[in-house]
């Protein structure tokens, strides 16, 4: 279990009379963590090329402006193409998807293209969650 007391990334509480300083180990941990994570963070902001985005939209017969910019923590075009591949391969009757962005549109469009299946989102599931909590 992670706690804020054991995480070297979080700042230390500042005492009222003096500034708390990081130890050498805590500073080294921050530098190492940053050096290890920045490539992943940079890739997460990418989202894919315009060409791959338009190819995905054409694959699903969607308008070229159907999706927003896919960078900054949203699903990228590689992941979305993989989702479409899985829907086409498995042809599910029902898909439960709890997102509210690109994946919702892509899954719904892939199901429609297949001619069968339906996507249930949070609105369809929310009433059942209340029943589940009470049990």
C-alpha atoms as a PDB file:
ATOM      1  CA  UNK A   1       0.000   0.000   0.000  1.00  0.00           C
ATOM      2  CA  UNK A   2       1.327   3.427  -0.908  1.00  0.00           C
ATOM      3  CA  UNK A   3       1.049   6.249   1.551  1.00  0.00           C
ATOM      4  CA  UNK A   4       2.112   9.836   1.260  1.00  0.00           C
ATOM      5  CA  UNK A   5       4.422   9.280   4.223  1.00  0.00           C
ATOM      6  CA  UNK A   6       6.438   6.693   2.274  1.00  0.00           C
ATOM      7  CA  UNK A   7       6.536   8.466  -1.088  1.00  0.00           C
ATOM      8  CA  UNK A   8       9.749  10.382  -1.709  1.00  0.00           C
ATOM      9  CA  UNK A   9       8.156  12.416  -4.487  1.00  0.00           C
ATOM     10  CA  UNK A  10       5.776  14.339  -2.256  1.00  0.00           C
ATOM     11  CA  UNK A  11       7.081  17.371  -0.484  1.00  0.00           C
ATOM     12  CA  UNK A  12       7.836  17.285   3.203  1.00  0.00           C
ATOM     13  CA  UNK A  13       5.739  19.355   5.556  1.00  0.00           C
ATOM     14  CA  UNK A  14       7.278  22.728   6.247  1.00  0.00           C
ATOM     15  CA  UNK A  15       7.807  23.460   9.894  1.00  0.00           C
ATOM     16  CA  UNK A  16       6.570  26.818  11.048  1.00  0.00           C
ATOM     17  CA  UNK A  17      10.029  27.969  12.160  1.00  0.00           C
ATOM     18  CA  UNK A  18      12.292  26.443   9.475  1.00  0.00           C
ATOM     19  CA  UNK A  19      12.224  24.927   6.009  1.00  0.00           C
ATOM     20  CA  UNK A  20      12.325  21.127   5.756  1.00  0.00           C
ATOM     21  CA  UNK A  21      15.083  19.921   3.448  1.00  0.00           C
ATOM     22  CA  UNK A  22      15.177  16.790   1.333  1.00  0.00           C
ATOM     23  CA  UNK A  23      17.782  14.230   2.244  1.00  0.00           C
ATOM     24  CA  UNK A  24      20.330  13.199  -0.376  1.00  0.00           C
ATOM     25  CA  UNK A  25      18.477   9.891  -0.831  1.00  0.00           C
ATOM     26  CA  UNK A  26      15.140  11.662  -1.383  1.00  0.00           C
ATOM     27  CA  UNK A  27      16.694  14.044  -3.931  1.00  0.00           C
ATOM     28  CA  UNK A  28      18.341  11.095  -5.766  1.00  0.00           C
ATOM     29  CA  UNK A  29      14.983   9.283  -5.827  1.00  0.00           C
ATOM     30  CA  UNK A  30      13.266  12.321  -7.378  1.00  0.00           C
ATOM     31  CA  UNK A  31      15.952  12.683 -10.044  1.00  0.00           C
ATOM     32  CA  UNK A  32      15.899   8.953 -10.829  1.00  0.00           C
ATOM     33  CA  UNK A  33      12.104   8.858 -10.996  1.00  0.00           C
ATOM     34  CA  UNK A  34      12.013  11.868 -13.310  1.00  0.00           C
ATOM     35  CA  UNK A  35      14.718  10.456 -15.580  1.00  0.00           C
ATOM     36  CA  UNK A  36      12.853   7.156 -15.831  1.00  0.00           C
ATOM     37  CA  UNK A  37       9.352   8.596 -16.368  1.00  0.00           C
ATOM     38  CA  UNK A  38       9.793  11.538 -18.732  1.00  0.00           C
ATOM     39  CA  UNK A  39       9.899   9.458 -21.969  1.00  0.00           C
ATOM     40  CA  UNK A  40       6.648   7.750 -20.999  1.00  0.00           C
ATOM     41  CA  UNK A  41       5.037  11.084 -20.137  1.00  0.00           C
ATOM     42  CA  UNK A  42       6.199  12.603 -23.416  1.00  0.00           C
ATOM     43  CA  UNK A  43       4.762   9.649 -25.395  1.00  0.00           C
ATOM     44  CA  UNK A  44       1.444   9.959 -23.552  1.00  0.00           C
ATOM     45  CA  UNK A  45       1.098  13.500 -24.875  1.00  0.00           C
ATOM     46  CA  UNK A  46       1.608  12.364 -28.478  1.00  0.00           C
ATOM     47  CA  UNK A  47      -1.637  10.609 -29.490  1.00  0.00           C
ATOM     48  CA  UNK A  48      -0.511   9.471 -32.947  1.00  0.00           C
ATOM     49  CA  UNK A  49      -0.022  11.054 -36.352  1.00  0.00           C
ATOM     50  CA  UNK A  50      -2.768  12.864 -38.246  1.00  0.00           C
ATOM     51  CA  UNK A  51      -2.486  10.205 -40.936  1.00  0.00           C
ATOM     52  CA  UNK A  52      -3.078   7.345 -38.471  1.00  0.00           C
ATOM     53  CA  UNK A  53      -5.999   9.241 -36.915  1.00  0.00           C
ATOM     54  CA  UNK A  54      -7.626   9.812 -40.323  1.00  0.00           C
ATOM     55  CA  UNK A  55      -7.001   6.166 -41.312  1.00  0.00           C
ATOM     56  CA  UNK A  56      -8.785   5.030 -38.135  1.00  0.00           C
ATOM     57  CA  UNK A  57     -11.723   7.351 -38.806  1.00  0.00           C
ATOM     58  CA  UNK A  58     -11.984   6.142 -42.416  1.00  0.00           C
ATOM     59  CA  UNK A  59     -11.831   2.516 -41.238  1.00  0.00           C
ATOM     60  CA  UNK A  60     -14.954   3.204 -39.159  1.00  0.00           C
ATOM     61  CA  UNK A  61     -16.575   5.505 -41.743  1.00  0.00           C
ATOM     62  CA  UNK A  62     -16.515   8.495 -39.388  1.00  0.00           C
ATOM     63  CA  UNK A  63     -16.029  12.162 -40.263  1.00  0.00           C
ATOM     64  CA  UNK A  64     -12.461  13.451 -40.040  1.00  0.00           C
ATOM     65  CA  UNK A  65     -13.457  15.782 -37.197  1.00  0.00           C
ATOM     66  CA  UNK A  66     -15.215  13.069 -35.135  1.00  0.00           C
ATOM     67  CA  UNK A  67     -12.351  12.778 -32.630  1.00  0.00           C
ATOM     68  CA  UNK A  68     -10.566  15.498 -30.656  1.00  0.00           C
ATOM     69  CA  UNK A  69      -6.770  15.720 -30.383  1.00  0.00           C
ATOM     70  CA  UNK A  70      -5.752  12.336 -28.970  1.00  0.00           C
ATOM     71  CA  UNK A  71      -2.690  13.374 -26.965  1.00  0.00           C
ATOM     72  CA  UNK A  72      -2.463  14.348 -23.315  1.00  0.00           C
ATOM     73  CA  UNK A  73      -3.473  11.115 -21.561  1.00  0.00           C
ATOM     74  CA  UNK A  74      -6.228  10.130 -24.003  1.00  0.00           C
ATOM     75  CA  UNK A  75      -6.173   6.876 -25.956  1.00  0.00           C
ATOM     76  CA  UNK A  76      -3.756   7.052 -28.891  1.00  0.00           C
ATOM     77  CA  UNK A  77      -4.414   5.779 -32.414  1.00  0.00           C
ATOM     78  CA  UNK A  78      -2.458   2.544 -31.875  1.00  0.00           C
ATOM     79  CA  UNK A  79      -4.616   1.639 -28.853  1.00  0.00           C
ATOM     80  CA  UNK A  80      -7.851   2.632 -30.622  1.00  0.00           C
ATOM     81  CA  UNK A  81      -6.957   0.485 -33.653  1.00  0.00           C
ATOM     82  CA  UNK A  82      -6.302  -2.422 -31.291  1.00  0.00           C
ATOM     83  CA  UNK A  83      -9.746  -1.895 -29.723  1.00  0.00           C
ATOM     84  CA  UNK A  84     -11.349  -2.017 -33.191  1.00  0.00           C
ATOM     85  CA  UNK A  85      -9.344  -5.156 -34.017  1.00  0.00           C
ATOM     86  CA  UNK A  86     -10.666  -6.867 -30.873  1.00  0.00           C
ATOM     87  CA  UNK A  87     -14.272  -5.869 -31.573  1.00  0.00           C
ATOM     88  CA  UNK A  88     -13.992  -7.163 -35.143  1.00  0.00           C
ATOM     89  CA  UNK A  89     -12.252 -10.371 -34.065  1.00  0.00           C
ATOM     90  CA  UNK A  90     -14.486 -11.297 -31.117  1.00  0.00           C
ATOM     91  CA  UNK A  91     -17.752  -9.699 -32.323  1.00  0.00           C
ATOM     92  CA  UNK A  92     -19.180  -9.307 -28.807  1.00  0.00           C
ATOM     93  CA  UNK A  93     -22.903  -9.012 -28.166  1.00  0.00           C
ATOM     94  CA  UNK A  94     -22.330  -6.561 -25.287  1.00  0.00           C
ATOM     95  CA  UNK A  95     -19.452  -4.264 -24.364  1.00  0.00           C
ATOM     96  CA  UNK A  96     -19.321  -2.529 -20.992  1.00  0.00           C
ATOM     97  CA  UNK A  97     -17.195   0.586 -21.329  1.00  0.00           C
ATOM     98  CA  UNK A  98     -16.817   3.156 -18.568  1.00  0.00           C
ATOM     99  CA  UNK A  99     -15.089   5.898 -20.523  1.00  0.00           C
ATOM    100  CA  UNK A 100     -16.620   9.018 -21.948  1.00  0.00           C
ATOM    101  CA  UNK A 101     -14.307   9.989 -24.755  1.00  0.00           C
ATOM    102  CA  UNK A 102     -12.606   8.535 -27.787  1.00  0.00           C
ATOM    103  CA  UNK A 103     -12.992   4.896 -26.744  1.00  0.00           C
ATOM    104  CA  UNK A 104     -16.762   5.296 -26.366  1.00  0.00           C
ATOM    105  CA  UNK A 105     -17.112   6.596 -29.919  1.00  0.00           C
ATOM    106  CA  UNK A 106     -14.696   4.043 -31.381  1.00  0.00           C
ATOM    107  CA  UNK A 107     -16.284   1.030 -29.668  1.00  0.00           C
ATOM    108  CA  UNK A 108     -19.800   2.130 -30.642  1.00  0.00           C
ATOM    109  CA  UNK A 109     -18.706   2.709 -34.242  1.00  0.00           C
ATOM    110  CA  UNK A 110     -16.906  -0.647 -34.440  1.00  0.00           C
ATOM    111  CA  UNK A 111     -20.006  -2.443 -33.132  1.00  0.00           C
ATOM    112  CA  UNK A 112     -22.189  -0.584 -35.635  1.00  0.00           C
ATOM    113  CA  UNK A 113     -19.805  -1.467 -38.475  1.00  0.00           C
ATOM    114  CA  UNK A 114     -20.040  -5.145 -37.472  1.00  0.00           C
ATOM    115  CA  UNK A 115     -23.825  -4.899 -37.556  1.00  0.00           C
ATOM    116  CA  UNK A 116     -24.352  -6.330 -34.096  1.00  0.00           C
ATOM    117  CA  UNK A 117     -23.568  -5.766 -30.449  1.00  0.00           C
ATOM    118  CA  UNK A 118     -24.211  -2.875 -28.118  1.00  0.00           C
ATOM    119  CA  UNK A 119     -22.147  -0.735 -25.772  1.00  0.00           C
ATOM    120  CA  UNK A 120     -23.337  -0.084 -22.221  1.00  0.00           C
ATOM    121  CA  UNK A 121     -21.835   2.946 -20.530  1.00  0.00           C
ATOM    122  CA  UNK A 122     -22.057   4.519 -17.107  1.00  0.00           C
ATOM    123  CA  UNK A 123     -25.676   5.683 -17.516  1.00  0.00           C
ATOM    124  CA  UNK A 124     -26.857   2.123 -18.105  1.00  0.00           C
ATOM    125  CA  UNK A 125     -24.767   0.692 -15.275  1.00  0.00           C
ATOM    126  CA  UNK A 126     -25.255   3.342 -12.549  1.00  0.00           C
ATOM    127  CA  UNK A 127     -28.673   2.071 -11.318  1.00  0.00           C
ATOM    128  CA  UNK A 128     -27.293  -1.460 -11.014  1.00  0.00           C
ATOM    129  CA  UNK A 129     -24.286  -0.250  -9.020  1.00  0.00           C
ATOM    130  CA  UNK A 130     -26.621   1.085  -6.329  1.00  0.00           C
ATOM    131  CA  UNK A 131     -28.226  -2.367  -6.064  1.00  0.00           C
ATOM    132  CA  UNK A 132     -24.804  -3.998  -5.859  1.00  0.00           C
ATOM    133  CA  UNK A 133     -23.693  -1.701  -3.012  1.00  0.00           C
ATOM    134  CA  UNK A 134     -26.762  -2.498  -0.941  1.00  0.00           C
ATOM    135  CA  UNK A 135     -26.140  -6.277  -1.068  1.00  0.00           C
END
